[in-house]
Protein backbone atom coordinates (compact mmCIF):
# COMPACT_ATOMS: atom_id res chain seq x y z
CA MET A 1 -15.12 -12.40 -3.63
CA THR A 2 -13.75 -13.15 -7.09
CA ALA A 3 -10.51 -14.99 -7.82
CA PHE A 4 -7.03 -13.52 -7.96
CA THR A 5 -5.73 -12.93 -11.46
CA THR A 6 -2.67 -14.71 -12.82
CA GLU A 7 -0.75 -11.45 -12.48
CA GLN A 8 -1.74 -11.12 -8.82
CA LYS A 9 -0.64 -14.68 -8.11
CA LEU A 10 2.71 -13.93 -9.73
CA LEU A 11 2.96 -10.72 -7.70
CA ARG A 12 2.50 -12.68 -4.48
CA GLU A 13 5.18 -15.16 -5.49
CA SER A 14 7.64 -12.42 -6.42
CA VAL A 15 7.14 -10.46 -3.18
CA ARG A 16 7.46 -13.65 -1.14
CA LYS A 17 10.69 -14.51 -2.95
CA LEU A 18 12.03 -10.99 -2.41
CA MET A 19 11.30 -11.14 1.31
CA THR A 20 12.87 -14.58 1.63
CA THR A 21 16.00 -13.35 -0.15
CA HIS A 22 16.44 -9.94 1.46
CA ALA A 23 14.75 -10.23 4.86
CA SER A 24 16.34 -13.24 6.50
CA ARG A 25 15.62 -14.11 10.11
CA ASP A 26 19.00 -12.71 11.11
CA TYR A 27 18.30 -9.45 9.26
CA VAL A 28 14.93 -9.01 10.95
CA ARG A 29 16.39 -9.76 14.39
CA ALA A 30 19.32 -7.40 13.87
CA LYS A 31 17.09 -4.53 12.80
CA ASP A 32 14.68 -5.12 15.68
CA LYS A 33 17.51 -5.25 18.20
CA ALA A 34 19.17 -2.11 16.82
CA LYS A 35 15.77 -0.37 16.44
CA ALA A 36 16.91 0.53 12.94
CA TYR A 37 14.87 1.38 9.83
CA PRO A 38 15.24 -1.28 7.07
CA TYR A 39 16.58 1.05 4.38
CA GLU A 40 18.27 -1.78 2.46
CA LEU A 41 15.03 -3.73 2.24
CA TYR A 42 13.05 -0.63 1.27
CA ASP A 43 15.47 -0.13 -1.61
CA GLU A 44 14.72 -3.66 -2.80
CA TRP A 45 10.99 -2.90 -2.72
CA VAL A 46 11.70 0.14 -4.89
CA LYS A 47 13.76 -1.88 -7.36
CA ALA A 48 10.96 -4.44 -7.63
CA GLY A 49 8.42 -1.72 -8.37
CA MET A 50 6.43 -2.43 -5.22
CA LEU A 51 6.10 1.25 -4.29
CA GLY A 52 4.11 1.63 -7.49
CA ALA A 53 1.82 -1.34 -6.86
CA ALA A 54 -1.34 0.79 -6.70
CA ILE A 55 -0.08 3.90 -8.50
CA PRO A 56 -1.25 4.60 -12.09
CA GLU A 57 1.25 4.05 -14.87
CA GLN A 58 1.19 7.72 -15.85
CA TYR A 59 2.96 8.49 -12.56
CA GLY A 60 5.48 5.69 -12.91
CA GLY A 61 3.50 2.99 -11.12
CA MET A 62 2.25 -0.48 -12.03
CA GLY A 63 -1.38 0.57 -12.42
CA GLY A 64 -2.61 -1.93 -9.83
CA ASN A 65 -5.35 -1.60 -7.25
CA ALA A 66 -6.24 -2.28 -3.62
CA ILE A 67 -5.88 -6.03 -4.13
CA ASP A 68 -2.32 -5.71 -5.42
CA LEU A 69 -1.49 -3.45 -2.50
CA ALA A 70 -2.99 -5.90 -0.01
CA ILE A 71 -0.94 -8.75 -1.48
CA CYS A 72 2.31 -6.79 -1.09
CA VAL A 73 1.45 -5.78 2.47
CA GLU A 74 0.44 -9.30 3.50
CA GLU A 75 3.66 -10.85 2.24
CA ILE A 76 5.84 -8.21 3.90
CA ALA A 77 3.97 -8.53 7.20
CA TYR A 78 4.35 -12.31 7.14
CA VAL A 79 8.01 -11.63 7.87
CA SER A 80 7.57 -8.53 10.04
CA ALA A 81 4.61 -6.37 11.02
CA ASP A 82 7.16 -3.67 11.77
CA PHE A 83 8.60 -3.69 8.24
CA GLN A 84 5.08 -3.55 6.82
CA MET A 85 4.55 -0.23 8.59
CA CYS A 86 7.45 1.23 6.60
CA TYR A 87 5.85 0.16 3.33
CA GLY A 88 2.17 0.59 4.15
CA GLY A 89 2.50 4.12 5.52
CA SER A 90 4.00 5.40 2.29
CA MET A 91 1.39 3.62 0.25
CA PHE A 92 -1.85 4.66 1.90
CA CYS A 93 -0.65 8.27 2.05
CA ALA A 94 0.19 8.06 -1.66
CA ILE A 95 -3.31 6.77 -2.42
CA ALA A 96 -4.87 9.62 -0.44
CA LEU A 97 -2.79 12.06 -2.50
CA LEU A 98 -3.85 10.28 -5.67
CA MET A 99 -7.49 10.74 -4.71
CA LYS A 100 -7.43 14.31 -3.37
CA GLY A 101 -4.27 15.99 -4.69
CA SER A 102 -4.13 18.38 -7.61
CA GLU A 103 -2.75 17.13 -10.90
CA ALA A 104 0.42 19.15 -10.30
CA GLN A 105 0.84 17.56 -6.87
CA LYS A 106 0.35 14.07 -8.25
CA GLU A 107 2.83 14.67 -11.06
CA TYR A 108 5.39 15.98 -8.58
CA TRP A 109 5.01 13.62 -5.62
CA LEU A 110 3.91 10.21 -6.91
CA PRO A 111 6.94 9.53 -9.13
CA LYS A 112 9.14 10.39 -6.13
CA ILE A 113 7.38 7.73 -4.05
CA VAL A 114 7.65 5.12 -6.79
CA SER A 115 11.36 5.86 -7.27
CA GLY A 116 12.08 5.85 -3.54
CA GLU A 117 13.24 9.45 -3.56
CA ARG A 118 10.62 10.33 -0.94
CA ARG A 119 8.71 8.40 1.72
CA PHE A 120 5.37 9.32 3.26
CA SER A 121 3.99 9.02 6.79
CA ILE A 122 0.76 10.15 8.44
CA SER A 123 0.74 12.74 11.21
CA MET A 124 -2.66 13.02 12.83
CA SER A 125 -2.76 12.03 16.53
CA GLU A 126 -1.90 14.51 19.28
CA PRO A 127 -1.59 14.29 23.08
CA GLU A 128 -5.28 15.25 23.43
CA ALA A 129 -6.50 13.99 20.06
CA GLY A 130 -6.41 10.29 19.30
CA SER A 131 -9.77 8.77 18.46
CA ASP A 132 -11.24 12.25 18.93
CA VAL A 133 -9.97 13.86 15.72
CA GLY A 134 -12.01 16.96 16.49
CA ALA A 135 -9.66 17.82 19.35
CA LEU A 136 -6.75 18.67 17.05
CA ARG A 137 -4.82 21.70 18.28
CA THR A 138 -1.86 21.89 15.92
CA LYS A 139 -2.59 24.84 13.69
CA ALA A 140 -1.45 26.40 10.44
CA GLU A 141 -1.83 30.09 9.63
CA ARG A 142 -1.67 31.46 6.11
CA HIS A 143 0.95 34.15 5.51
CA GLY A 144 1.04 35.10 1.85
CA ASP A 145 2.25 32.12 -0.16
CA SER A 146 3.13 30.07 2.92
CA TYR A 147 1.66 28.39 5.97
CA VAL A 148 3.26 28.68 9.41
CA ILE A 149 2.67 25.63 11.61
CA ASN A 150 2.75 25.38 15.40
CA GLY A 151 1.80 22.49 17.65
CA GLN A 152 2.62 18.91 18.57
CA LYS A 153 1.86 15.52 17.06
CA LEU A 154 2.17 12.12 18.74
CA TRP A 155 2.35 8.41 17.78
CA ASN A 156 3.64 9.20 14.30
CA THR A 157 4.88 5.99 12.69
CA ALA A 158 8.05 6.19 10.56
CA ALA A 159 8.12 10.01 10.71
CA GLY A 160 11.86 10.06 11.25
CA ALA A 161 12.90 8.04 8.21
CA ARG A 162 15.30 9.63 5.72
CA GLY A 163 13.59 11.56 2.95
CA ASN A 164 10.22 11.45 4.66
CA THR A 165 7.33 13.83 4.06
CA MET A 166 4.64 13.90 6.72
CA PHE A 167 0.95 14.18 5.88
CA VAL A 168 0.03 16.58 8.68
CA TYR A 169 -3.61 17.12 9.61
CA LEU A 170 -4.10 20.42 11.43
CA LYS A 171 -6.45 23.28 12.20
CA THR A 172 -6.71 26.08 9.68
CA ASP A 173 -10.00 27.48 10.98
CA PRO A 174 -10.63 26.84 14.71
CA SER A 175 -13.89 28.80 14.66
CA VAL A 176 -15.92 26.15 12.80
CA HIS A 177 -16.85 22.48 13.24
CA TYR A 178 -13.74 20.32 13.04
CA ARG A 179 -14.91 18.63 9.86
CA LYS A 180 -14.87 22.05 8.21
CA GLY A 181 -11.77 23.55 9.81
CA VAL A 182 -9.11 20.86 9.25
CA SER A 183 -6.56 20.86 6.44
CA LEU A 184 -3.91 18.46 5.15
CA ILE A 185 -0.45 19.92 4.54
CA LEU A 186 2.68 18.07 3.43
CA VAL A 187 5.71 18.80 5.60
CA ASP A 188 9.21 17.39 5.07
CA ASN A 189 10.63 16.05 8.32
CA ASP A 190 13.79 18.15 7.95
CA THR A 191 11.89 21.44 7.59
CA PRO A 192 13.29 24.19 9.88
CA GLY A 193 11.09 24.43 12.95
CA VAL A 194 10.29 20.69 12.96
CA LYS A 195 11.73 18.59 15.77
CA LEU A 196 11.28 14.82 16.03
CA ASN A 197 11.73 12.65 19.09
CA LYS A 198 11.75 8.85 18.67
CA LEU A 199 9.77 7.23 21.47
CA ASP A 200 10.77 4.09 23.36
CA MET A 201 7.95 1.68 22.55
CA LEU A 202 7.24 -1.96 23.40
CA GLY A 203 7.38 -3.12 19.78
CA ARG A 204 7.60 -2.08 16.14
CA HIS A 205 11.04 -0.62 16.75
CA CYS A 206 12.24 -0.35 13.16
CA ALA A 207 9.63 1.93 11.64
CA GLY A 208 9.80 3.93 14.84
CA THR A 209 7.13 5.93 16.65
CA TYR A 210 7.71 9.66 17.01
CA GLU A 211 6.40 12.76 18.65
CA VAL A 212 6.78 15.80 16.40
CA PHE A 213 7.01 19.43 17.47
CA PHE A 214 6.28 22.32 15.11
CA THR A 215 7.61 25.75 16.05
CA ASP A 216 6.93 28.36 13.37
CA ALA A 217 7.60 25.73 10.72
CA LYS A 218 7.08 27.38 7.35
CA VAL A 219 5.95 25.52 4.22
CA ASP A 220 4.83 26.69 0.81
CA ALA A 221 1.09 26.95 0.21
CA ASP A 222 1.33 24.47 -2.65
CA ARG A 223 1.84 21.79 0.03
CA LEU A 224 -1.87 22.10 0.89
CA VAL A 225 -3.80 19.05 -0.36
CA GLY A 226 -7.44 19.14 -1.35
CA GLY A 227 -8.05 22.78 -0.49
CA GLU A 228 -8.07 24.76 2.74
CA ASN A 229 -10.41 23.36 5.40
CA LYS A 230 -10.97 20.26 3.25
CA GLY A 231 -8.79 17.95 5.33
CA TRP A 232 -11.69 15.87 6.59
CA GLU A 233 -12.43 14.89 2.99
CA CYS A 234 -8.81 13.75 2.68
CA VAL A 235 -9.19 11.64 5.83
CA LEU A 236 -12.24 9.93 4.39
CA ALA A 237 -10.64 9.50 0.96
CA GLY A 238 -7.77 7.49 2.39
CA LEU A 239 -9.72 5.66 5.09
CA GLN A 240 -10.66 2.53 3.19
CA ILE A 241 -7.19 2.05 1.70
CA GLU A 242 -5.63 2.60 5.13
CA ARG A 243 -7.79 -0.16 6.56
CA VAL A 244 -7.02 -2.45 3.62
CA VAL A 245 -3.34 -1.97 4.43
CA SER A 246 -3.88 -2.48 8.15
CA ALA A 247 -6.06 -5.57 7.75
CA ALA A 248 -3.81 -7.21 5.16
CA GLY A 249 -0.80 -6.60 7.38
CA ASN A 250 -2.52 -8.22 10.33
CA CYS A 251 -3.38 -11.23 8.17
CA GLY A 252 0.19 -11.68 7.02
CA SER A 253 1.66 -11.38 10.49
CA ALA A 254 -0.96 -13.68 12.00
CA GLN A 255 -0.20 -16.31 9.36
CA GLY A 256 3.49 -15.98 10.19
CA VAL A 257 2.65 -16.72 13.84
CA VAL A 258 0.57 -19.79 12.95
CA ASP A 259 3.27 -21.23 10.70
CA MET A 260 5.90 -20.63 13.36
CA ALA A 261 3.80 -22.32 16.04
CA ALA A 262 2.97 -25.28 13.79
CA ALA A 263 6.62 -25.81 12.86
CA TRP A 264 7.57 -25.70 16.54
CA ALA A 265 4.85 -28.20 17.46
CA LYS A 266 6.19 -30.65 14.88
CA GLU A 267 9.78 -30.38 16.09
CA ARG A 268 9.59 -29.82 19.84
CA LYS A 269 9.47 -33.10 21.75
CA GLN A 270 8.23 -33.74 25.26
CA PHE A 271 7.58 -37.12 26.83
CA GLY A 272 9.21 -38.74 23.81
CA ARG A 273 6.99 -37.30 21.05
CA PRO A 274 6.32 -34.00 19.24
CA ILE A 275 4.05 -31.73 21.23
CA GLY A 276 1.84 -31.32 18.16
CA THR A 277 0.64 -34.89 18.62
CA ASN A 278 -1.12 -33.76 21.78
CA GLN A 279 -4.74 -32.99 20.96
CA SER A 280 -4.75 -29.85 23.10
CA ILE A 281 -1.86 -28.35 21.11
CA ALA A 282 -3.11 -29.55 17.74
CA HIS A 283 -6.54 -28.07 18.35
CA MET A 284 -5.03 -24.74 19.38
CA ILE A 285 -3.16 -24.57 16.10
CA ALA A 286 -6.24 -25.64 14.13
CA ASP A 287 -8.25 -22.85 15.76
CA MET A 288 -5.49 -20.36 15.02
CA GLN A 289 -5.40 -21.30 11.33
CA THR A 290 -9.19 -21.14 11.08
CA ASP A 291 -9.26 -17.64 12.56
CA VAL A 292 -6.56 -16.44 10.17
CA ALA A 293 -8.34 -17.95 7.17
CA ALA A 294 -11.52 -16.13 8.20
CA ALA A 295 -9.55 -12.89 8.62
CA LYS A 296 -8.10 -13.21 5.12
CA ALA A 297 -11.51 -13.90 3.61
CA LEU A 298 -12.96 -10.80 5.25
CA THR A 299 -10.01 -8.66 4.19
CA TYR A 300 -10.01 -9.66 0.55
CA GLN A 301 -13.79 -9.43 0.32
CA ALA A 302 -13.35 -5.78 1.28
CA ALA A 303 -10.28 -5.28 -0.94
CA PHE A 304 -12.15 -6.58 -4.00
CA LYS A 305 -14.98 -4.13 -3.33
CA VAL A 306 -12.55 -1.22 -2.95
CA ALA A 307 -10.79 -2.24 -6.17
CA ALA A 308 -14.16 -2.27 -7.95
CA GLY A 309 -14.85 1.27 -6.80
CA GLU A 310 -17.64 0.20 -4.44
CA ASP A 311 -18.21 1.53 -0.96
CA ALA A 312 -16.65 -1.01 1.39
CA LEU A 313 -16.65 0.99 4.62
CA ALA A 314 -18.58 -1.64 6.57
CA GLU A 315 -16.54 -4.55 5.23
CA ILE A 316 -13.14 -2.95 5.68
CA THR A 317 -14.03 -1.74 9.18
CA MET A 318 -15.04 -5.26 10.17
CA ALA A 319 -11.83 -6.53 8.59
CA LYS A 320 -9.73 -4.05 10.57
CA LEU A 321 -11.46 -5.10 13.79
CA PHE A 322 -11.34 -8.85 13.22
CA THR A 323 -7.82 -9.08 11.79
CA SER A 324 -6.22 -6.98 14.51
CA GLU A 325 -7.85 -9.00 17.27
CA THR A 326 -6.95 -12.22 15.46
CA TYR A 327 -3.28 -11.21 15.33
CA VAL A 328 -3.31 -10.52 19.07
CA LYS A 329 -5.13 -13.79 19.77
CA VAL A 330 -2.83 -16.05 17.75
CA ALA A 331 0.32 -14.34 19.03
CA ASN A 332 -0.83 -15.01 22.58
CA MET A 333 -1.57 -18.65 21.73
CA GLY A 334 1.76 -18.96 19.92
CA MET A 335 3.54 -17.82 23.07
CA GLN A 336 1.69 -20.47 25.04
CA ILE A 337 2.60 -23.21 22.57
CA MET A 338 6.30 -22.31 22.60
CA GLY A 339 6.38 -21.84 26.37
CA GLY A 340 9.58 -20.37 27.74
CA TYR A 341 11.17 -20.38 24.28
CA GLY A 342 8.50 -18.04 23.01
CA TYR A 343 9.25 -15.68 25.88
CA SER A 344 12.98 -15.70 25.07
CA MET A 345 14.47 -12.88 23.03
CA GLU A 346 16.41 -15.55 21.11
CA PHE A 347 13.22 -16.66 19.36
CA ASP A 348 10.89 -14.71 17.08
CA MET A 349 7.54 -15.35 18.75
CA GLN A 350 8.20 -12.66 21.34
CA ARG A 351 8.58 -10.10 18.55
CA HIS A 352 5.14 -10.92 17.23
CA TYR A 353 3.80 -10.77 20.77
CA ARG A 354 5.22 -7.25 21.14
CA ASP A 355 4.34 -6.03 17.67
CA CYS A 356 0.74 -7.26 17.69
CA ARG A 357 -0.35 -5.19 20.65
CA SER A 358 -0.50 -1.95 18.68
CA SER A 359 -2.75 -3.48 16.02
CA THR A 360 -5.93 -3.08 18.07
CA VAL A 361 -5.02 0.55 18.86
CA ALA A 362 -3.38 2.06 15.78
CA ALA A 363 -5.42 3.22 12.75
CA GLY A 364 -8.54 3.26 14.88
CA SER A 365 -8.96 1.23 18.05
CA SER A 366 -11.16 -1.85 18.23
CA GLN A 367 -13.66 0.12 20.27
CA ILE A 368 -13.92 2.81 17.60
CA GLN A 369 -14.34 0.13 14.90
CA ARG A 370 -17.22 -1.41 16.84
CA ASN A 371 -18.86 1.99 17.23
CA LEU A 372 -18.61 2.58 13.48
CA ILE A 373 -19.94 -0.86 12.59
CA ALA A 374 -22.87 -0.39 14.97
CA GLY A 375 -23.55 3.03 13.48
CA LEU A 376 -23.61 1.59 9.96
CA MET A 377 -26.20 -0.88 11.23
CA GLY A 378 -28.41 1.98 12.34
CA LEU A 379 -27.54 1.76 16.02
CA LYS A 380 -26.87 5.04 17.82
CA VAL A 381 -23.91 4.59 20.11
CA GLN A 382 -23.38 7.23 22.81
């Protein structure tokens, strides 16, 4: 891994300052309690140009790369994994469009993302199709210059946000292998025939998790990305960036947990002295920090390869696996260090404990990541 540039160091500082200024502890708690999308904070990201972090300048962006995107995601997630989902979802969908969209689509959509006029979210999973993408049943039928969509999607993060356009993966040819019969179509969440239901989840309340129903929802054919039955190529095009986003977010949130636990161990006194002076507690925190440092190293090793245009599928898959499990691990240890206070809704450790549990499931479960890593090593997993 090479070093961060001066510009990337300044980017980290500016995002950290923005989050400190506009995402106070009270703001985060209030949004989590109200299960409300952080529109005000998103607007600040737009003003700071963060939605253009990895978008070329010709479309209104900053012309950055995967490293710049990872930096933004990490700093947001340090404050809230939930808030990061609002940012990261728009960004990795935008990158997929950048890679597979037509020039007309890029000229139309990308400036709208950078300006905050539109948001993006991914819509792939279904009741019978999670890790098994081939089981997709939502379908789109071509009728002249339009597609008519019917079906149901599930576990769609941030789909209900204002001004959101969903990247919907669906069947356009059920008669062939799923890698040849899937297409990507962009659908606004207020399209007639689209109904969204926000689900009551354990954590990540602000971005929201939705089930989406499509009943004869009609969209123009120019919303098709990458060509009909070319959706699998779109999945693969955005895969590495999606995992960069996911891994960087896990790193940021895990570091937030470690810093919270360390601060508590320095302040909380039992038996007349800070609990951090107990070797058992100090060693827990040392192990937590070591795991997070390793997670960051793995993530940025992969991000640098992606930014260089190299294939980083193995590295970013390992990063997704390790960082998600690290976040879960340190959040569990942080709860133990804080004891009853960590379990109280009046303190922030419980939010991390709730939010972390989706990290080993969303964007590809840990089991799927292990299968992929083994496969890349030449092992045939049944």
